[in-house]
Amino acid sequence: MKLKKISFAAFVVIFAFSCGNTKSSDNQENSIINNDINIENKMGVIHLTKADFLMKIANFETSPNEWKYLGDKPAIIDFYAEWCGPCRMVAPILEELAKEYDGKIYIYKVNTEAEAELAALFGIRSIPSLLFIPMSAKPQMAHGAMGKAQFKEAIENYLLK
């Protein structure tokens, strides 16, 4: 009987702590964009669908032969898959960089299994593949996992230069 009381008490304490902290932090602040129902977290990686890509990155349907970046800040697009080990290693680095460079660049993710058309459009054959999009130069593709120092070098010397 004593063991049941201890187990029940532990459950109550765990439940109370998990449900009690409902305060939203500044990092979780949400904003509605483009008058759509789409919600983005500020200071975080943004997941893209094909429809989002067409509105935020480039509309390859209306301009199939011309690259015209639609964003207002440089960007990185991470083409990934859930099952990919190197992609899972890169994910927390990109989250950190999204917070560090908030307001200076966008960091997007495209799930290659859910968005096969986008993956095919960019000739993605290995993942992670990363598309670096500066404001005034042509985008550059990098293949394979990168460390935080390599990302920061690319951001500082290519995207923000």
C-alpha atoms as a PDB file:
ATOM      1  CA  MET A   1       0.000   0.000   0.000  1.00  0.00           C
ATOM      2  CA  LYS A   2       2.853   2.361   0.836  1.00  0.00           C
ATOM      3  CA  LEU A   3       4.386   1.788  -2.626  1.00  0.00           C
ATOM      4  CA  LYS A   4       1.082   2.744  -4.290  1.00  0.00           C
ATOM      5  CA  LYS A   5       0.950   6.010  -2.309  1.00  0.00           C
ATOM      6  CA  ILE A   6       4.547   6.879  -3.284  1.00  0.00           C
ATOM      7  CA  SER A   7       3.866   6.071  -6.966  1.00  0.00           C
ATOM      8  CA  PHE A   8       0.685   8.152  -6.929  1.00  0.00           C
ATOM      9  CA  ALA A   9       2.469  11.060  -5.233  1.00  0.00           C
ATOM     10  CA  ALA A  10       5.289  10.928  -7.799  1.00  0.00           C
ATOM     11  CA  PHE A  11       2.725  10.944 -10.612  1.00  0.00           C
ATOM     12  CA  VAL A  12       0.942  13.979  -9.131  1.00  0.00           C
ATOM     13  CA  VAL A  13       4.235  15.910  -8.780  1.00  0.00           C
ATOM     14  CA  ILE A  14       5.335  15.100 -12.343  1.00  0.00           C
ATOM     15  CA  PHE A  15       1.896  15.994 -13.721  1.00  0.00           C
ATOM     16  CA  ALA A  16       1.813  19.281 -11.809  1.00  0.00           C
ATOM     17  CA  PHE A  17       5.220  20.369 -13.110  1.00  0.00           C
ATOM     18  CA  SER A  18       4.516  19.350 -16.696  1.00  0.00           C
ATOM     19  CA  CYS A  19       1.175  21.178 -16.820  1.00  0.00           C
ATOM     20  CA  GLY A  20       1.960  24.129 -14.598  1.00  0.00           C
ATOM     21  CA  ASN A  21       4.403  26.051 -16.787  1.00  0.00           C
ATOM     22  CA  THR A  22       2.192  27.567 -19.445  1.00  0.00           C
ATOM     23  CA  LYS A  23       4.088  30.849 -19.721  1.00  0.00           C
ATOM     24  CA  SER A  24       5.173  31.485 -23.294  1.00  0.00           C
ATOM     25  CA  SER A  25       8.786  32.587 -23.593  1.00  0.00           C
ATOM     26  CA  ASP A  26      10.012  35.242 -26.003  1.00  0.00           C
ATOM     27  CA  ASN A  27      11.583  32.486 -28.124  1.00  0.00           C
ATOM     28  CA  GLN A  28       8.151  30.909 -28.609  1.00  0.00           C
ATOM     29  CA  GLU A  29       6.459  34.129 -29.703  1.00  0.00           C
ATOM     30  CA  ASN A  30       4.249  33.520 -32.730  1.00  0.00           C
ATOM     31  CA  SER A  31       3.242  35.790 -35.548  1.00  0.00           C
ATOM     32  CA  ILE A  32       0.699  35.367 -38.329  1.00  0.00           C
ATOM     33  CA  ILE A  33       2.187  35.905 -41.759  1.00  0.00           C
ATOM     34  CA  ASN A  34       0.715  36.785 -45.142  1.00  0.00           C
ATOM     35  CA  ASN A  35      -2.783  36.916 -43.615  1.00  0.00           C
ATOM     36  CA  ASP A  36      -2.811  33.103 -43.849  1.00  0.00           C
ATOM     37  CA  ILE A  37      -3.391  30.622 -41.087  1.00  0.00           C
ATOM     38  CA  ASN A  38       0.331  29.706 -41.313  1.00  0.00           C
ATOM     39  CA  ILE A  39       2.104  30.479 -38.046  1.00  0.00           C
ATOM     40  CA  GLU A  40       5.869  30.842 -37.716  1.00  0.00           C
ATOM     41  CA  ASN A  41       7.937  30.837 -34.566  1.00  0.00           C
ATOM     42  CA  LYS A  42      10.128  33.884 -34.286  1.00  0.00           C
ATOM     43  CA  MET A  43      13.798  33.056 -33.963  1.00  0.00           C
ATOM     44  CA  GLY A  44      13.519  29.517 -35.286  1.00  0.00           C
ATOM     45  CA  VAL A  45      13.833  27.342 -38.333  1.00  0.00           C
ATOM     46  CA  ILE A  46      10.870  27.618 -40.720  1.00  0.00           C
ATOM     47  CA  HIS A  47       9.516  24.497 -42.433  1.00  0.00           C
ATOM     48  CA  LEU A  48       8.578  24.992 -46.083  1.00  0.00           C
ATOM     49  CA  THR A  49       5.994  23.309 -48.234  1.00  0.00           C
ATOM     50  CA  LYS A  50       5.855  23.786 -51.995  1.00  0.00           C
ATOM     51  CA  ALA A  51       3.198  26.491 -51.562  1.00  0.00           C
ATOM     52  CA  ASP A  52       5.387  28.323 -49.015  1.00  0.00           C
ATOM     53  CA  PHE A  53       8.389  27.984 -51.322  1.00  0.00           C
ATOM     54  CA  LEU A  54       6.489  29.551 -54.212  1.00  0.00           C
ATOM     55  CA  MET A  55       5.487  32.539 -52.036  1.00  0.00           C
ATOM     56  CA  LYS A  56       8.663  33.085 -49.992  1.00  0.00           C
ATOM     57  CA  ILE A  57      11.596  31.795 -52.041  1.00  0.00           C
ATOM     58  CA  ALA A  58      11.001  31.673 -55.799  1.00  0.00           C
ATOM     59  CA  ASN A  59       7.992  31.041 -57.989  1.00  0.00           C
ATOM     60  CA  PHE A  60       9.417  28.508 -60.420  1.00  0.00           C
ATOM     61  CA  GLU A  61       5.964  27.909 -61.897  1.00  0.00           C
ATOM     62  CA  THR A  62       5.560  31.454 -63.254  1.00  0.00           C
ATOM     63  CA  SER A  63       9.285  31.958 -63.987  1.00  0.00           C
ATOM     64  CA  PRO A  64      10.731  28.501 -64.734  1.00  0.00           C
ATOM     65  CA  ASN A  65      13.853  29.796 -66.508  1.00  0.00           C
ATOM     66  CA  GLU A  66      14.737  32.644 -64.159  1.00  0.00           C
ATOM     67  CA  TRP A  67      15.848  32.644 -60.518  1.00  0.00           C
ATOM     68  CA  LYS A  68      14.241  35.529 -58.687  1.00  0.00           C
ATOM     69  CA  TYR A  69      14.523  35.331 -54.907  1.00  0.00           C
ATOM     70  CA  LEU A  70      11.378  36.697 -53.255  1.00  0.00           C
ATOM     71  CA  GLY A  71      12.731  37.065 -49.720  1.00  0.00           C
ATOM     72  CA  ASP A  72      13.783  40.235 -47.953  1.00  0.00           C
ATOM     73  CA  LYS A  73      16.787  38.651 -46.163  1.00  0.00           C
ATOM     74  CA  PRO A  74      19.402  36.077 -47.192  1.00  0.00           C
ATOM     75  CA  ALA A  75      18.422  32.480 -46.509  1.00  0.00           C
ATOM     76  CA  ILE A  76      19.609  28.936 -46.006  1.00  0.00           C
ATOM     77  CA  ILE A  77      17.408  26.033 -47.067  1.00  0.00           C
ATOM     78  CA  ASP A  78      18.155  22.649 -45.512  1.00  0.00           C
ATOM     79  CA  PHE A  79      16.891  19.753 -47.644  1.00  0.00           C
ATOM     80  CA  TYR A  80      16.555  16.867 -45.195  1.00  0.00           C
ATOM     81  CA  ALA A  81      14.706  13.667 -44.274  1.00  0.00           C
ATOM     82  CA  GLU A  82      13.573  12.487 -40.847  1.00  0.00           C
ATOM     83  CA  TRP A  83      15.504   9.198 -41.077  1.00  0.00           C
ATOM     84  CA  CYS A  84      18.811  10.862 -42.048  1.00  0.00           C
ATOM     85  CA  GLY A  85      21.435  10.733 -39.274  1.00  0.00           C
ATOM     86  CA  PRO A  86      23.605  13.606 -40.587  1.00  0.00           C
ATOM     87  CA  CYS A  87      20.430  15.693 -41.030  1.00  0.00           C
ATOM     88  CA  ARG A  88      19.576  15.135 -37.367  1.00  0.00           C
ATOM     89  CA  MET A  89      23.097  16.276 -36.442  1.00  0.00           C
ATOM     90  CA  VAL A  90      22.708  19.510 -38.451  1.00  0.00           C
ATOM     91  CA  ALA A  91      19.201  20.329 -37.133  1.00  0.00           C
ATOM     92  CA  PRO A  92      20.203  21.685 -33.679  1.00  0.00           C
ATOM     93  CA  ILE A  93      23.006  23.736 -35.250  1.00  0.00           C
ATOM     94  CA  LEU A  94      20.514  25.357 -37.614  1.00  0.00           C
ATOM     95  CA  GLU A  95      18.162  26.076 -34.687  1.00  0.00           C
ATOM     96  CA  GLU A  96      21.013  27.820 -32.818  1.00  0.00           C
ATOM     97  CA  LEU A  97      21.984  29.812 -35.903  1.00  0.00           C
ATOM     98  CA  ALA A  98      18.360  30.844 -36.510  1.00  0.00           C
ATOM     99  CA  LYS A  99      18.344  32.382 -33.031  1.00  0.00           C
ATOM    100  CA  GLU A 100      21.815  33.966 -33.380  1.00  0.00           C
ATOM    101  CA  TYR A 101      21.034  35.509 -36.762  1.00  0.00           C
ATOM    102  CA  ASP A 102      17.381  36.350 -36.086  1.00  0.00           C
ATOM    103  CA  GLY A 103      16.395  39.374 -38.164  1.00  0.00           C
ATOM    104  CA  LYS A 104      19.445  38.966 -40.453  1.00  0.00           C
ATOM    105  CA  ILE A 105      18.759  35.699 -42.290  1.00  0.00           C
ATOM    106  CA  TYR A 106      16.048  33.075 -42.665  1.00  0.00           C
ATOM    107  CA  ILE A 107      16.736  29.405 -42.121  1.00  0.00           C
ATOM    108  CA  TYR A 108      14.281  27.088 -43.832  1.00  0.00           C
ATOM    109  CA  LYS A 109      13.870  23.309 -43.918  1.00  0.00           C
ATOM    110  CA  VAL A 110      12.363  21.215 -46.708  1.00  0.00           C
ATOM    111  CA  ASN A 111      11.477  17.602 -45.975  1.00  0.00           C
ATOM    112  CA  THR A 112      12.551  15.846 -49.186  1.00  0.00           C
ATOM    113  CA  GLU A 113      10.124  12.970 -48.658  1.00  0.00           C
ATOM    114  CA  ALA A 114       7.100  15.232 -48.171  1.00  0.00           C
ATOM    115  CA  GLU A 115       8.214  17.706 -50.872  1.00  0.00           C
ATOM    116  CA  ALA A 116       9.615  15.417 -53.569  1.00  0.00           C
ATOM    117  CA  GLU A 117       8.915  17.966 -56.314  1.00  0.00           C
ATOM    118  CA  LEU A 118      11.144  20.569 -54.626  1.00  0.00           C
ATOM    119  CA  ALA A 119      13.863  17.984 -54.066  1.00  0.00           C
ATOM    120  CA  ALA A 120      13.725  16.991 -57.741  1.00  0.00           C
ATOM    121  CA  LEU A 121      13.724  20.623 -58.882  1.00  0.00           C
ATOM    122  CA  PHE A 122      17.044  21.179 -57.078  1.00  0.00           C
ATOM    123  CA  GLY A 123      18.482  17.806 -58.065  1.00  0.00           C
ATOM    124  CA  ILE A 124      18.776  16.643 -54.457  1.00  0.00           C
ATOM    125  CA  ARG A 125      20.424  13.215 -54.517  1.00  0.00           C
ATOM    126  CA  SER A 126      22.092  13.268 -51.128  1.00  0.00           C
ATOM    127  CA  ILE A 127      21.035  14.788 -47.853  1.00  0.00           C
ATOM    128  CA  PRO A 128      21.570  17.000 -46.095  1.00  0.00           C
ATOM    129  CA  SER A 129      21.877  19.418 -48.987  1.00  0.00           C
ATOM    130  CA  LEU A 130      21.960  23.099 -48.147  1.00  0.00           C
ATOM    131  CA  LEU A 131      21.050  25.965 -50.449  1.00  0.00           C
ATOM    132  CA  PHE A 132      22.641  29.303 -49.496  1.00  0.00           C
ATOM    133  CA  ILE A 133      20.671  32.223 -50.957  1.00  0.00           C
ATOM    134  CA  PRO A 134      22.294  35.681 -50.796  1.00  0.00           C
ATOM    135  CA  MET A 135      20.334  38.788 -51.704  1.00  0.00           C
ATOM    136  CA  SER A 136      22.336  39.804 -54.770  1.00  0.00           C
ATOM    137  CA  ALA A 137      24.305  36.776 -56.000  1.00  0.00           C
ATOM    138  CA  LYS A 138      23.310  33.365 -57.338  1.00  0.00           C
ATOM    139  CA  PRO A 139      22.406  30.679 -54.800  1.00  0.00           C
ATOM    140  CA  GLN A 140      25.049  28.077 -53.943  1.00  0.00           C
ATOM    141  CA  MET A 141      24.414  24.451 -52.982  1.00  0.00           C
ATOM    142  CA  ALA A 142      26.483  22.544 -50.409  1.00  0.00           C
ATOM    143  CA  HIS A 143      26.163  18.808 -49.804  1.00  0.00           C
ATOM    144  CA  GLY A 144      26.724  16.951 -46.562  1.00  0.00           C
ATOM    145  CA  ALA A 145      26.681  17.855 -42.895  1.00  0.00           C
ATOM    146  CA  MET A 146      28.511  20.981 -41.789  1.00  0.00           C
ATOM    147  CA  GLY A 147      29.669  22.118 -38.385  1.00  0.00           C
ATOM    148  CA  LYS A 148      28.586  25.353 -36.763  1.00  0.00           C
ATOM    149  CA  ALA A 149      31.887  27.076 -37.597  1.00  0.00           C
ATOM    150  CA  GLN A 150      31.468  26.225 -41.291  1.00  0.00           C
ATOM    151  CA  PHE A 151      27.914  27.548 -41.292  1.00  0.00           C
ATOM    152  CA  LYS A 152      28.963  30.776 -39.579  1.00  0.00           C
ATOM    153  CA  GLU A 153      31.776  31.270 -42.096  1.00  0.00           C
ATOM    154  CA  ALA A 154      29.355  30.793 -45.004  1.00  0.00           C
ATOM    155  CA  ILE A 155      26.811  33.131 -43.418  1.00  0.00           C
ATOM    156  CA  GLU A 156      29.333  35.889 -42.684  1.00  0.00           C
ATOM    157  CA  ASN A 157      31.363  35.614 -45.904  1.00  0.00           C
ATOM    158  CA  TYR A 158      28.667  34.750 -48.446  1.00  0.00           C
ATOM    159  CA  LEU A 159      25.202  35.643 -47.183  1.00  0.00           C
ATOM    160  CA  LEU A 160      25.867  38.801 -45.191  1.00  0.00           C
ATOM    161  CA  LYS A 161      28.784  40.199 -47.210  1.00  0.00           C
END
